[in-house]
Amino acid sequence: MTRLVTASSPSAAIPLASSSSSRQTDPYHDVTARPPSTWLKTVAPFRTLPQTRAATGRIVSFVDICLRSFGQCCFQNSPLTGLVFVVALATSAHGPAMVGLALLGCMSANLFAITMGFHEPLIAAGLFGYNATLVGCAFQAFVVGDAPWTWEAHAHILVAVPCLSVLSVLVASAASSVLPPGTPGLTIAFQVTVWSWLLATHTWSPAVAAPFAPSPGLYMPLHGSAAAVATARSYDMAKVQVAVASGVAQCCLASEWYVGLAMVVGIALCSPISAFYAAVGSTVGTFMAVAVGAPPEQIYLGLYGFNGALCAIALGGFFVLANGVHPNMLVAVGILGSTLLMSTTIGAFGPVGLPALSWPFTFMTWCILVSATSMKRVVLIPLDELQTPEDHWEHHHERTRRTMRPSHPPPCFDS
């Protein structure tokens, strides 16, 4: 989720959750340096960890980059978060295949970025790998699905995932040239590459089809009396509550509730504020879907929670300073708007058999961030200074304290 630029312009680099390392000449600079004024200094190094230096060895550095790529799927520049995500996905119903394909995509994209000499601070923060991580997860969800893994049916995936992962790097880099200044690419590269593959499979041999992707067709509304419609759209509230956790898991295309809970814990290791907003976003999105009568099976899978969760994380202190009621109003608009757009996208993409993916989150966040440049009561975080919501609040507090401090002592008056 990033806006990428060439290495010749590091000050314009726009990472998703990278840090002040983008302004350092050493791409492996310790990114956890904080002002020494508050309690945050005691927990910040644990939350994000220093990016490993080249002296520790290329293998260790590459593992660090890949783990950060997993964490960046939810805006977290932390190898601890990434490790928790890997373990959580491994416990899902199709864990080995899910993690294997996600790692294949992540490693392919990062190796390509390193080989081609993309901007090193962005590589070190895992910003070239998270779209590819999601590509690998998408292949598990839409191509492998519930079918047992067989080499005859799925060998082509081992070629497709690396190729599309490389393509995601190029799409993300190209998107930075057309987006408005200061606008992050978010997950647009993941969406473009997966949509391209799924559309192409409609014209290919069934041997390379995506059998678990949505089937092309018009979405038919319910007809009949109000009582009949209400009966068809009755909800099991216990499943709805579980769907809140599943909504967080769907950020990585998993549907198990326990995966979502583990991911919230992983997010909290880097940013407790982000973990809180992830839970709020998924909760509000899920229950809004119930209120408007969305299909129960889609709600139970968590499909109405993850876009709200991502919007809430993005707007709840990451791209926008969380310093009052006005940013939270944007969070609410983002959650509600992305939930509406989820239904809109499902209906619009149904005829061509495409999933909505995280397009509602991407589009809604773009709209709000571009509009926020004209809002006097909203503070946007410069994209080359992105760290964590806690860091943003800390730096804002420190700047405010220094501004309020008198530059000269007050004059003395004789009695």
Foldseek 3Di string as FASTA:
>chain_A
DFQFDAQVCLVQGFFLAFALCSVPPFLQPFRQDAPPPDPVNVQSCQQAPGQDHCVVDPVVNLLLLLLLLQVCLQSFQHSLLSVLLLVLQLPFPPNVQLSVLLSLLQSLQLVVCVVVPGHSNNSSSNRLRNLLSLLSNVCCVFAVNPPDDDCQQCVCSSVLSSVLSNQLSVVSNVVSVVADRQATPNNVSSQVSVVVLQLVLVPDDPSRHRRNFADADADDDDDDDPVVLCVQLPEDVVLLVLLLLLLQVCSSDGQGSSSSVSSLVSVVSNPVQLSVQLSVLQNVQLVVCSVVRHHRVCSSSNVRRNLLSSLSSCQRQFFWANDDDVSVVLSVCLSVQLSVVQVVQCRVCRNSRHHPRNVSNSVSNSVVVVVCVPPPPIDGDRSSRGHHSVSSVSVVVVVVVVVPDDPDDDDDDDD
